[in-house]
């Protein structure tokens, strides 16, 4: 015959597992709501999320000439930023010694 301790242990065990099930359902609903909220805010900004991927809504449409101009500007910026074939005007000049953090080295005068 079972004693009252056995019944109390059974009730506590069942309450523990019922609480775990409730917490699982609560957290699942919380996270799915957060995901839906995030999807809604991203959709308001022009991003559409689906199982197949992400699509971005744009307001601008480029014609062929605008596309070529933008591409040419990008190439010119990259070319100007490169150092290939450029002559360094300070190549023959004497460079000053710099200390840590680009400061000039301090010489003590005695």
PDB file of N, CA and C in Angstrom:
ATOM      1  N   UNK A   1       0.848  -1.170   0.000  1.00  0.00           N
ATOM      2  CA  UNK A   1       0.000   0.000   0.000  1.00  0.00           C
ATOM      3  C   UNK A   1       0.895   1.235   0.000  1.00  0.00           C
ATOM      4  N   UNK A   2       0.484   2.205  -0.768  1.00  0.00           N
ATOM      5  CA  UNK A   2       1.268   3.438  -0.894  1.00  0.00           C
ATOM      6  C   UNK A   2       0.977   4.363   0.284  1.00  0.00           C
ATOM      7  N   UNK A   3       2.022   5.049   0.694  1.00  0.00           N
ATOM      8  CA  UNK A   3       1.871   5.987   1.810  1.00  0.00           C
ATOM      9  C   UNK A   3       1.654   7.389   1.250  1.00  0.00           C
ATOM     10  N   UNK A   4       1.440   8.320   2.163  1.00  0.00           N
ATOM     11  CA  UNK A   4       1.195   9.701   1.735  1.00  0.00           C
ATOM     12  C   UNK A   4       2.443  10.306   1.093  1.00  0.00           C
ATOM     13  N   UNK A   5       3.636   9.821   1.435  1.00  0.00           N
ATOM     14  CA  UNK A   5       4.881  10.315   0.839  1.00  0.00           C
ATOM     15  C   UNK A   5       4.929   9.921  -0.639  1.00  0.00           C
ATOM     16  N   UNK A   6       4.471   8.717  -0.941  1.00  0.00           N
ATOM     17  CA  UNK A   6       4.435   8.269  -2.335  1.00  0.00           C
ATOM     18  C   UNK A   6       3.490   9.146  -3.163  1.00  0.00           C
ATOM     19  N   UNK A   7       2.330   9.449  -2.588  1.00  0.00           N
ATOM     20  CA  UNK A   7       1.373  10.309  -3.305  1.00  0.00           C
ATOM     21  C   UNK A   7       1.928  11.728  -3.483  1.00  0.00           C
ATOM     22  N   UNK A   8       2.594  12.238  -2.471  1.00  0.00           N
ATOM     23  CA  UNK A   8       3.183  13.582  -2.563  1.00  0.00           C
ATOM     24  C   UNK A   8       4.283  13.608  -3.626  1.00  0.00           C
ATOM     25  N   UNK A   9       5.105  12.562  -3.688  1.00  0.00           N
ATOM     26  CA  UNK A   9       6.159  12.481  -4.698  1.00  0.00           C
ATOM     27  C   UNK A   9       5.548  12.405  -6.094  1.00  0.00           C
ATOM     28  N   UNK A  10       4.450  11.652  -6.239  1.00  0.00           N
ATOM     29  CA  UNK A  10       3.762  11.554  -7.527  1.00  0.00           C
ATOM     30  C   UNK A  10       3.209  12.907  -7.953  1.00  0.00           C
ATOM     31  N   UNK A  11       2.589  13.616  -7.036  1.00  0.00           N
ATOM     32  CA  UNK A  11       2.021  14.931  -7.345  1.00  0.00           C
ATOM     33  C   UNK A  11       3.132  15.910  -7.723  1.00  0.00           C
ATOM     34  N   UNK A  12       4.224  15.904  -6.970  1.00  0.00           N
ATOM     35  CA  UNK A  12       5.343  16.801  -7.281  1.00  0.00           C
ATOM     36  C   UNK A  12       5.966  16.473  -8.641  1.00  0.00           C
ATOM     37  N   UNK A  13       6.098  15.200  -8.950  1.00  0.00           N
ATOM     38  CA  UNK A  13       6.665  14.798 -10.239  1.00  0.00           C
ATOM     39  C   UNK A  13       5.755  15.217 -11.388  1.00  0.00           C
ATOM     40  N   UNK A  14       4.462  14.980 -11.249  1.00  0.00           N
ATOM     41  CA  UNK A  14       3.513  15.380 -12.289  1.00  0.00           C
ATOM     42  C   UNK A  14       3.462  16.900 -12.436  1.00  0.00           C
ATOM     43  N   UNK A  15       3.535  17.626 -11.334  1.00  0.00           N
ATOM     44  CA  UNK A  15       3.535  19.090 -11.385  1.00  0.00           C
ATOM     45  C   UNK A  15       4.795  19.595 -12.075  1.00  0.00           C
ATOM     46  N   UNK A  16       5.933  18.955 -11.818  1.00  0.00           N
ATOM     47  CA  UNK A  16       7.189  19.354 -12.466  1.00  0.00           C
ATOM     48  C   UNK A  16       7.089  19.189 -13.976  1.00  0.00           C
ATOM     49  N   UNK A  17       6.622  18.018 -14.433  1.00  0.00           N
ATOM     50  CA  UNK A  17       6.524  17.787 -15.874  1.00  0.00           C
ATOM     51  C   UNK A  17       5.454  18.657 -16.526  1.00  0.00           C
ATOM     52  N   UNK A  18       4.363  18.936 -15.821  1.00  0.00           N
ATOM     53  CA  UNK A  18       3.340  19.838 -16.350  1.00  0.00           C
ATOM     54  C   UNK A  18       3.906  21.253 -16.472  1.00  0.00           C
ATOM     55  N   UNK A  19       4.705  21.671 -15.486  1.00  0.00           N
ATOM     56  CA  UNK A  19       5.344  22.988 -15.555  1.00  0.00           C
ATOM     57  C   UNK A  19       6.333  23.076 -16.698  1.00  0.00           C
ATOM     58  N   UNK A  20       7.090  22.023 -16.937  1.00  0.00           N
ATOM     59  CA  UNK A  20       8.034  22.007 -18.060  1.00  0.00           C
ATOM     60  C   UNK A  20       7.286  22.108 -19.393  1.00  0.00           C
ATOM     61  N   UNK A  21       6.167  21.403 -19.509  1.00  0.00           N
ATOM     62  CA  UNK A  21       5.358  21.475 -20.732  1.00  0.00           C
ATOM     63  C   UNK A  21       4.791  22.867 -20.935  1.00  0.00           C
ATOM     64  N   UNK A  22       4.315  23.472 -19.850  1.00  0.00           N
ATOM     65  CA  UNK A  22       3.777  24.829 -19.943  1.00  0.00           C
ATOM     66  C   UNK A  22       4.864  25.815 -20.353  1.00  0.00           C
ATOM     67  N   UNK A  23       6.057  25.704 -19.782  1.00  0.00           N
ATOM     68  CA  UNK A  23       7.160  26.604 -20.134  1.00  0.00           C
ATOM     69  C   UNK A  23       7.570  26.425 -21.592  1.00  0.00           C
ATOM     70  N   UNK A  24       7.553  25.190 -22.084  1.00  0.00           N
ATOM     71  CA  UNK A  24       7.876  24.946 -23.486  1.00  0.00           C
ATOM     72  C   UNK A  24       6.885  25.659 -24.394  1.00  0.00           C
ATOM     73  N   UNK A  25       5.596  25.505 -24.110  1.00  0.00           N
ATOM     74  CA  UNK A  25       4.575  26.151 -24.939  1.00  0.00           C
ATOM     75  C   UNK A  25       4.665  27.675 -24.842  1.00  0.00           C
ATOM     76  N   UNK A  26       4.921  28.203 -23.647  1.00  0.00           N
ATOM     77  CA  UNK A  26       5.039  29.647 -23.459  1.00  0.00           C
ATOM     78  C   UNK A  26       6.219  30.211 -24.241  1.00  0.00           C
ATOM     79  N   UNK A  27       7.378  29.549 -24.148  1.00  0.00           N
ATOM     80  CA  UNK A  27       8.566  30.030 -24.853  1.00  0.00           C
ATOM     81  C   UNK A  27       8.403  29.908 -26.371  1.00  0.00           C
ATOM     82  N   UNK A  28       7.759  28.840 -26.828  1.00  0.00           N
ATOM     83  CA  UNK A  28       7.527  28.681 -28.268  1.00  0.00           C
ATOM     84  C   UNK A  28       6.631  29.802 -28.788  1.00  0.00           C
ATOM     85  N   UNK A  29       5.581  30.125 -28.064  1.00  0.00           N
ATOM     86  CA  UNK A  29       4.701  31.220 -28.479  1.00  0.00           C
ATOM     87  C   UNK A  29       5.414  32.559 -28.402  1.00  0.00           C
ATOM     88  N   UNK A  30       6.244  32.751 -27.381  1.00  0.00           N
ATOM     89  CA  UNK A  30       6.983  34.006 -27.238  1.00  0.00           C
ATOM     90  C   UNK A  30       7.926  34.207 -28.413  1.00  0.00           C
ATOM     91  N   UNK A  31       8.714  33.185 -28.750  1.00  0.00           N
ATOM     92  CA  UNK A  31       9.695  33.328 -29.829  1.00  0.00           C
ATOM     93  C   UNK A  31       9.024  33.421 -31.196  1.00  0.00           C
ATOM     94  N   UNK A  32       7.940  32.713 -31.429  1.00  0.00           N
ATOM     95  CA  UNK A  32       7.263  32.826 -32.725  1.00  0.00           C
ATOM     96  C   UNK A  32       6.639  34.214 -32.865  1.00  0.00           C
ATOM     97  N   UNK A  33       6.155  34.775 -31.771  1.00  0.00           N
ATOM     98  CA  UNK A  33       5.644  36.142 -31.819  1.00  0.00           C
ATOM     99  C   UNK A  33       6.745  37.146 -32.093  1.00  0.00           C
ATOM    100  N   UNK A  34       7.919  36.937 -31.494  1.00  0.00           N
ATOM    101  CA  UNK A  34       9.050  37.842 -31.742  1.00  0.00           C
ATOM    102  C   UNK A  34       9.509  37.751 -33.186  1.00  0.00           C
ATOM    103  N   UNK A  35       9.524  36.548 -33.752  1.00  0.00           N
ATOM    104  CA  UNK A  35       9.933  36.372 -35.142  1.00  0.00           C
ATOM    105  C   UNK A  35       8.930  37.049 -36.075  1.00  0.00           C
ATOM    106  N   UNK A  36       7.655  36.877 -35.815  1.00  0.00           N
ATOM    107  CA  UNK A  36       6.631  37.517 -36.654  1.00  0.00           C
ATOM    108  C   UNK A  36       6.710  39.038 -36.552  1.00  0.00           C
ATOM    109  N   UNK A  37       6.975  39.558 -35.357  1.00  0.00           N
ATOM    110  CA  UNK A  37       7.115  40.993 -35.169  1.00  0.00           C
ATOM    111  C   UNK A  37       8.312  41.520 -35.964  1.00  0.00           C
ATOM    112  N   UNK A  38       9.427  40.781 -35.918  1.00  0.00           N
ATOM    113  CA  UNK A  38      10.615  41.186 -36.660  1.00  0.00           C
ATOM    114  C   UNK A  38      10.362  41.125 -38.159  1.00  0.00           C
ATOM    115  N   UNK A  39       9.678  40.084 -38.623  1.00  0.00           N
ATOM    116  CA  UNK A  39       9.350  39.992 -40.052  1.00  0.00           C
ATOM    117  C   UNK A  39       8.475  41.170 -40.481  1.00  0.00           C
ATOM    118  N   UNK A  40       7.540  41.552 -39.634  1.00  0.00           N
ATOM    119  CA  UNK A  40       6.673  42.687 -39.957  1.00  0.00           C
ATOM    120  C   UNK A  40       7.442  43.990 -40.041  1.00  0.00           C
ATOM    121  N   UNK A  41       8.364  44.212 -39.102  1.00  0.00           N
ATOM    122  CA  UNK A  41       9.135  45.458 -39.140  1.00  0.00           C
ATOM    123  C   UNK A  41      10.091  45.469 -40.330  1.00  0.00           C
ATOM    124  N   UNK A  42      10.661  44.327 -40.684  1.00  0.00           N
ATOM    125  CA  UNK A  42      11.524  44.274 -41.866  1.00  0.00           C
ATOM    126  C   UNK A  42      10.714  44.481 -43.140  1.00  0.00           C
ATOM    127  N   UNK A  43       9.502  43.956 -43.172  1.00  0.00           N
ATOM    128  CA  UNK A  43       8.661  44.136 -44.353  1.00  0.00           C
ATOM    129  C   UNK A  43       8.271  45.603 -44.511  1.00  0.00           C
ATOM    130  N   UNK A  44       8.085  46.307 -43.401  1.00  0.00           N
ATOM    131  CA  UNK A  44       7.794  47.739 -43.475  1.00  0.00           C
ATOM    132  C   UNK A  44       8.980  48.507 -44.044  1.00  0.00           C
ATOM    133  N   UNK A  45      10.203  48.000 -43.824  1.00  0.00           N
ATOM    134  CA  UNK A  45      11.402  48.653 -44.341  1.00  0.00           C
ATOM    135  C   UNK A  45      11.732  48.233 -45.766  1.00  0.00           C
ATOM    136  N   UNK A  46      10.997  47.262 -46.330  1.00  0.00           N
ATOM    137  CA  UNK A  46      11.210  46.866 -47.714  1.00  0.00           C
ATOM    138  C   UNK A  46      11.859  45.514 -47.893  1.00  0.00           C
ATOM    139  N   UNK A  47      12.055  44.745 -46.808  1.00  0.00           N
ATOM    140  CA  UNK A  47      12.630  43.414 -46.901  1.00  0.00           C
ATOM    141  C   UNK A  47      11.528  42.393 -46.709  1.00  0.00           C
ATOM    142  N   UNK A  48      11.457  41.420 -47.602  1.00  0.00           N
ATOM    143  CA  UNK A  48      10.440  40.387 -47.496  1.00  0.00           C
ATOM    144  C   UNK A  48      11.122  39.041 -47.274  1.00  0.00           C
ATOM    145  N   UNK A  49      10.853  38.408 -46.126  1.00  0.00           N
ATOM    146  CA  UNK A  49      11.452  37.120 -45.784  1.00  0.00           C
ATOM    147  C   UNK A  49      10.474  36.001 -46.090  1.00  0.00           C
ATOM    148  N   UNK A  50      10.975  34.938 -46.709  1.00  0.00           N
ATOM    149  CA  UNK A  50      10.163  33.758 -46.951  1.00  0.00           C
ATOM    150  C   UNK A  50      11.064  32.533 -46.865  1.00  0.00           C
ATOM    151  N   UNK A  51      10.484  31.352 -47.054  1.00  0.00           N
ATOM    152  CA  UNK A  51      11.280  30.128 -46.996  1.00  0.00           C
ATOM    153  C   UNK A  51      12.263  30.046 -48.154  1.00  0.00           C
ATOM    154  N   UNK A  52      11.930  30.691 -49.273  1.00  0.00           N
ATOM    155  CA  UNK A  52      12.802  30.616 -50.453  1.00  0.00           C
ATOM    156  C   UNK A  52      13.920  31.650 -50.419  1.00  0.00           C
ATOM    157  N   UNK A  53      13.872  32.623 -49.501  1.00  0.00           N
ATOM    158  CA  UNK A  53      14.945  33.601 -49.403  1.00  0.00           C
ATOM    159  C   UNK A  53      14.436  34.977 -49.025  1.00  0.00           C
ATOM    160  N   UNK A  54      15.251  35.982 -49.338  1.00  0.00           N
ATOM    161  CA  UNK A  54      14.946  37.365 -48.995  1.00  0.00           C
ATOM    162  C   UNK A  54      14.809  38.159 -50.283  1.00  0.00           C
ATOM    163  N   UNK A  55      13.800  38.991 -50.357  1.00  0.00           N
ATOM    164  CA  UNK A  55      13.676  39.906 -51.495  1.00  0.00           C
ATOM    165  C   UNK A  55      13.650  41.334 -50.952  1.00  0.00           C
ATOM    166  N   UNK A  56      14.287  42.233 -51.706  1.00  0.00           N
ATOM    167  CA  UNK A  56      14.413  43.624 -51.293  1.00  0.00           C
ATOM    168  C   UNK A  56      13.657  44.490 -52.277  1.00  0.00           C
ATOM    169  N   UNK A  57      12.793  45.349 -51.743  1.00  0.00           N
ATOM    170  CA  UNK A  57      12.034  46.256 -52.584  1.00  0.00           C
ATOM    171  C   UNK A  57      12.844  47.533 -52.771  1.00  0.00           C
ATOM    172  N   UNK A  58      13.024  47.942 -54.009  1.00  0.00           N
ATOM    173  CA  UNK A  58      13.746  49.177 -54.291  1.00  0.00           C
ATOM    174  C   UNK A  58      12.813  50.143 -55.007  1.00  0.00           C
ATOM    175  N   UNK A  59      13.064  51.429 -54.789  1.00  0.00           N
ATOM    176  CA  UNK A  59      12.251  52.449 -55.441  1.00  0.00           C
ATOM    177  C   UNK A  59      12.870  52.907 -56.752  1.00  0.00           C
ATOM    178  N   UNK A  60      14.169  52.713 -56.902  1.00  0.00           N
ATOM    179  CA  UNK A  60      14.856  53.210 -58.090  1.00  0.00           C
ATOM    180  C   UNK A  60      14.981  52.115 -59.132  1.00  0.00           C
ATOM    181  N   UNK A  61      14.888  52.535 -60.374  1.00  0.00           N
ATOM    182  CA  UNK A  61      15.150  51.648 -61.501  1.00  0.00           C
ATOM    183  C   UNK A  61      16.165  52.344 -62.381  1.00  0.00           C
ATOM    184  N   UNK A  62      17.241  51.657 -62.701  1.00  0.00           N
ATOM    185  CA  UNK A  62      18.266  52.216 -63.565  1.00  0.00           C
ATOM    186  C   UNK A  62      18.013  51.784 -64.993  1.00  0.00           C
ATOM    187  N   UNK A  63      18.200  52.723 -65.914  1.00  0.00           N
ATOM    188  CA  UNK A  63      18.221  52.317 -67.310  1.00  0.00           C
ATOM    189  C   UNK A  63      19.662  51.953 -67.658  1.00  0.00           C
ATOM    190  N   UNK A  64      19.899  51.556 -68.877  1.00  0.00           N
ATOM    191  CA  UNK A  64      21.219  51.050 -69.270  1.00  0.00           C
ATOM    192  C   UNK A  64      22.293  52.120 -69.119  1.00  0.00           C
ATOM    193  N   UNK A  65      21.985  53.351 -69.481  1.00  0.00           N
ATOM    194  CA  UNK A  65      22.984  54.422 -69.413  1.00  0.00           C
ATOM    195  C   UNK A  65      23.355  54.740 -67.963  1.00  0.00           C
ATOM    196  N   UNK A  66      22.376  54.796 -67.088  1.00  0.00           N
ATOM    197  CA  UNK A  66      22.670  55.049 -65.678  1.00  0.00           C
ATOM    198  C   UNK A  66      23.493  53.914 -65.070  1.00  0.00           C
ATOM    199  N   UNK A  67      23.202  52.690 -65.475  1.00  0.00           N
ATOM    200  CA  UNK A  67      23.968  51.543 -64.998  1.00  0.00           C
ATOM    201  C   UNK A  67      25.419  51.637 -65.439  1.00  0.00           C
ATOM    202  N   UNK A  68      25.655  51.985 -66.692  1.00  0.00           N
ATOM    203  CA  UNK A  68      27.022  52.109 -67.199  1.00  0.00           C
ATOM    204  C   UNK A  68      27.760  53.253 -66.515  1.00  0.00           C
ATOM    205  N   UNK A  69      27.076  54.383 -66.292  1.00  0.00           N
ATOM    206  CA  UNK A  69      27.710  55.511 -65.599  1.00  0.00           C
ATOM    207  C   UNK A  69      28.130  55.131 -64.183  1.00  0.00           C
ATOM    208  N   UNK A  70      27.267  54.438 -63.457  1.00  0.00           N
ATOM    209  CA  UNK A  70      27.589  54.031 -62.093  1.00  0.00           C
ATOM    210  C   UNK A  70      28.754  53.043 -62.081  1.00  0.00           C
ATOM    211  N   UNK A  71      28.764  52.128 -63.051  1.00  0.00           N
ATOM    212  CA  UNK A  71      29.865  51.167 -63.135  1.00  0.00           C
ATOM    213  C   UNK A  71      31.170  51.874 -63.458  1.00  0.00           C
ATOM    214  N   UNK A  72      31.132  52.825 -64.362  1.00  0.00           N
ATOM    215  CA  UNK A  72      32.342  53.564 -64.737  1.00  0.00           C
ATOM    216  C   UNK A  72      32.870  54.373 -63.547  1.00  0.00           C
ATOM    217  N   UNK A  73      31.971  54.991 -62.791  1.00  0.00           N
ATOM    218  CA  UNK A  73      32.401  55.743 -61.608  1.00  0.00           C
ATOM    219  C   UNK A  73      33.098  54.828 -60.600  1.00  0.00           C
ATOM    220  N   UNK A  74      32.566  53.622 -60.439  1.00  0.00           N
ATOM    221  CA  UNK A  74      33.184  52.670 -59.524  1.00  0.00           C
ATOM    222  C   UNK A  74      34.580  52.278 -59.983  1.00  0.00           C
ATOM    223  N   UNK A  75      34.752  52.040 -61.276  1.00  0.00           N
ATOM    224  CA  UNK A  75      36.077  51.690 -61.789  1.00  0.00           C
ATOM    225  C   UNK A  75      37.059  52.840 -61.638  1.00  0.00           C
ATOM    226  N   UNK A  76      36.603  54.052 -61.885  1.00  0.00           N
ATOM    227  CA  UNK A  76      37.489  55.217 -61.774  1.00  0.00           C
ATOM    228  C   UNK A  76      37.899  55.417 -60.311  1.00  0.00           C
ATOM    229  N   UNK A  77      36.971  55.256 -59.372  1.00  0.00           N
ATOM    230  CA  UNK A  77      37.311  55.395 -57.949  1.00  0.00           C
ATOM    231  C   UNK A  77      38.331  54.337 -57.543  1.00  0.00           C
ATOM    232  N   UNK A  78      38.153  53.107 -58.007  1.00  0.00           N
ATOM    233  CA  UNK A  78      39.093  52.049 -57.666  1.00  0.00           C
ATOM    234  C   UNK A  78      40.456  52.312 -58.292  1.00  0.00           C
ATOM    235  N   UNK A  79      40.474  52.800 -59.528  1.00  0.00           N
ATOM    236  CA  UNK A  79      41.741  53.098 -60.200  1.00  0.00           C
ATOM    237  C   UNK A  79      42.479  54.225 -59.491  1.00  0.00           C
ATOM    238  N   UNK A  80      41.759  55.266 -59.102  1.00  0.00           N
ATOM    239  CA  UNK A  80      42.400  56.390 -58.411  1.00  0.00           C
ATOM    240  C   UNK A  80      42.895  55.997 -57.016  1.00  0.00           C
ATOM    241  N   UNK A  81      42.251  55.050 -56.401  1.00  0.00           N
ATOM    242  CA  UNK A  81      42.663  54.618 -55.071  1.00  0.00           C
ATOM    243  C   UNK A  81      43.880  53.693 -55.121  1.00  0.00           C
ATOM    244  N   UNK A  82      44.140  53.103 -56.277  1.00  0.00           N
ATOM    245  CA  UNK A  82      45.276  52.176 -56.377  1.00  0.00           C
ATOM    246  C   UNK A  82      46.579  52.948 -56.479  1.00  0.00           C
ATOM    247  N   UNK A  83      47.674  52.254 -56.184  1.00  0.00           N
ATOM    248  CA  UNK A  83      48.988  52.905 -56.247  1.00  0.00           C
ATOM    249  C   UNK A  83      49.847  52.313 -57.356  1.00  0.00           C
ATOM    250  N   UNK A  84      49.273  51.528 -58.233  1.00  0.00           N
ATOM    251  CA  UNK A  84      50.042  50.884 -59.297  1.00  0.00           C
ATOM    252  C   UNK A  84      50.494  51.925 -60.316  1.00  0.00           C
ATOM    253  N   UNK A  85      51.787  51.987 -60.574  1.00  0.00           N
ATOM    254  CA  UNK A  85      52.333  52.876 -61.598  1.00  0.00           C
ATOM    255  C   UNK A  85      52.514  54.305 -61.163  1.00  0.00           C
ATOM    256  N   UNK A  86      52.207  54.634 -59.926  1.00  0.00           N
ATOM    257  CA  UNK A  86      52.364  56.003 -59.456  1.00  0.00           C
ATOM    258  C   UNK A  86      53.779  56.202 -58.918  1.00  0.00           C
ATOM    259  N   UNK A  87      54.333  57.374 -59.176  1.00  0.00           N
ATOM    260  CA  UNK A  87      55.665  57.696 -58.690  1.00  0.00           C
ATOM    261  C   UNK A  87      55.522  58.406 -57.351  1.00  0.00           C
ATOM    262  N   UNK A  88      56.284  57.967 -56.373  1.00  0.00           N
ATOM    263  CA  UNK A  88      56.252  58.573 -55.051  1.00  0.00           C
ATOM    264  C   UNK A  88      57.118  59.825 -55.070  1.00  0.00           C
ATOM    265  N   UNK A  89      56.541  61.029 -54.887  1.00  0.00           N
ATOM    266  CA  UNK A  89      57.341  62.250 -54.939  1.00  0.00           C
ATOM    267  C   UNK A  89      58.321  62.364 -53.782  1.00  0.00           C
ATOM    268  N   UNK A  90      58.095  61.668 -52.700  1.00  0.00           N
ATOM    269  CA  UNK A  90      58.975  61.739 -51.534  1.00  0.00           C
ATOM    270  C   UNK A  90      59.980  60.589 -51.507  1.00  0.00           C
ATOM    271  N   UNK A  91      60.162  59.893 -52.618  1.00  0.00           N
ATOM    272  CA  UNK A  91      61.033  58.718 -52.626  1.00  0.00           C
ATOM    273  C   UNK A  91      62.476  59.093 -52.304  1.00  0.00           C
ATOM    274  N   UNK A  92      62.959  60.245 -52.794  1.00  0.00           N
ATOM    275  CA  UNK A  92      64.337  60.635 -52.540  1.00  0.00           C
ATOM    276  C   UNK A  92      64.501  61.492 -51.310  1.00  0.00           C
ATOM    277  N   UNK A  93      63.433  61.966 -50.732  1.00  0.00           N
ATOM    278  CA  UNK A  93      63.519  62.869 -49.580  1.00  0.00           C
ATOM    279  C   UNK A  93      63.862  62.083 -48.327  1.00  0.00           C
ATOM    280  N   UNK A  94      64.521  62.785 -47.415  1.00  0.00           N
ATOM    281  CA  UNK A  94      64.886  62.172 -46.143  1.00  0.00           C
ATOM    282  C   UNK A  94      63.638  62.102 -45.256  1.00  0.00           C
ATOM    283  N   UNK A  95      63.389  60.938 -44.732  1.00  0.00           N
ATOM    284  CA  UNK A  95      62.228  60.748 -43.872  1.00  0.00           C
ATOM    285  C   UNK A  95      62.632  60.996 -42.431  1.00  0.00           C
ATOM    286  N   UNK A  96      61.758  61.649 -41.692  1.00  0.00           N
ATOM    287  CA  UNK A  96      62.044  61.901 -40.281  1.00  0.00           C
ATOM    288  C   UNK A  96      61.669  60.653 -39.480  1.00  0.00           C
ATOM    289  N   UNK A  97      62.390  60.422 -38.428  1.00  0.00           N
ATOM    290  CA  UNK A  97      62.093  59.275 -37.578  1.00  0.00           C
ATOM    291  C   UNK A  97      60.924  59.629 -36.679  1.00  0.00           C
ATOM    292  N   UNK A  98      60.037  58.706 -36.598  1.00  0.00           N
ATOM    293  CA  UNK A  98      58.868  58.917 -35.757  1.00  0.00           C
ATOM    294  C   UNK A  98      58.861  57.872 -34.669  1.00  0.00           C
ATOM    295  N   UNK A  99      58.394  58.291 -33.519  1.00  0.00           N
ATOM    296  CA  UNK A  99      58.310  57.382 -32.387  1.00  0.00           C
ATOM    297  C   UNK A  99      56.995  56.626 -32.399  1.00  0.00           C
ATOM    298  N   UNK A 100      56.644  56.098 -31.266  1.00  0.00           N
ATOM    299  CA  UNK A 100      55.416  55.348 -31.109  1.00  0.00           C
ATOM    300  C   UNK A 100      54.212  56.252 -31.345  1.00  0.00           C
ATOM    301  N   UNK A 101      53.203  55.782 -32.023  1.00  0.00           N
ATOM    302  CA  UNK A 101      51.967  56.497 -32.340  1.00  0.00           C
ATOM    303  C   UNK A 101      52.207  57.678 -33.266  1.00  0.00           C
ATOM    304  N   UNK A 102      53.225  57.636 -34.111  1.00  0.00           N
ATOM    305  CA  UNK A 102      53.438  58.650 -35.132  1.00  0.00           C
ATOM    306  C   UNK A 102      53.985  59.969 -34.617  1.00  0.00           C
ATOM    307  N   UNK A 103      54.430  60.021 -33.375  1.00  0.00           N
ATOM    308  CA  UNK A 103      54.981  61.261 -32.845  1.00  0.00           C
ATOM    309  C   UNK A 103      56.469  61.329 -33.184  1.00  0.00           C
ATOM    310  N   UNK A 104      56.961  62.514 -33.288  1.00  0.00           N
ATOM    311  CA  UNK A 104      58.382  62.668 -33.533  1.00  0.00           C
ATOM    312  C   UNK A 104      59.143  62.250 -32.288  1.00  0.00           C
ATOM    313  N   UNK A 105      60.275  61.634 -32.498  1.00  0.00           N
ATOM    314  CA  UNK A 105      61.101  61.198 -31.370  1.00  0.00           C
ATOM    315  C   UNK A 105      61.655  62.422 -30.658  1.00  0.00           C
ATOM    316  N   UNK A 106      61.568  62.442 -29.345  1.00  0.00           N
ATOM    317  CA  UNK A 106      62.057  63.548 -28.557  1.00  0.00           C
ATOM    318  C   UNK A 106      63.551  63.367 -28.261  1.00  0.00           C
ATOM    319  N   UNK A 107      64.314  64.377 -28.552  1.00  0.00           N
ATOM    320  CA  UNK A 107      65.734  64.339 -28.282  1.00  0.00           C
ATOM    321  C   UNK A 107      65.989  65.190 -27.061  1.00  0.00           C
ATOM    322  N   UNK A 108      66.629  64.592 -26.071  1.00  0.00           N
ATOM    323  CA  UNK A 108      66.909  65.338 -24.839  1.00  0.00           C
ATOM    324  C   UNK A 108      68.087  66.261 -25.076  1.00  0.00           C
ATOM    325  N   UNK A 109      67.932  67.483 -24.647  1.00  0.00           N
ATOM    326  CA  UNK A 109      69.013  68.485 -24.772  1.00  0.00           C
ATOM    327  C   UNK A 109      69.719  68.574 -23.431  1.00  0.00           C
ATOM    328  N   UNK A 110      71.044  68.440 -23.463  1.00  0.00           N
ATOM    329  CA  UNK A 110      71.790  68.526 -22.210  1.00  0.00           C
ATOM    330  C   UNK A 110      72.681  69.731 -22.175  1.00  0.00           C
TER     331      UNK A 110
END
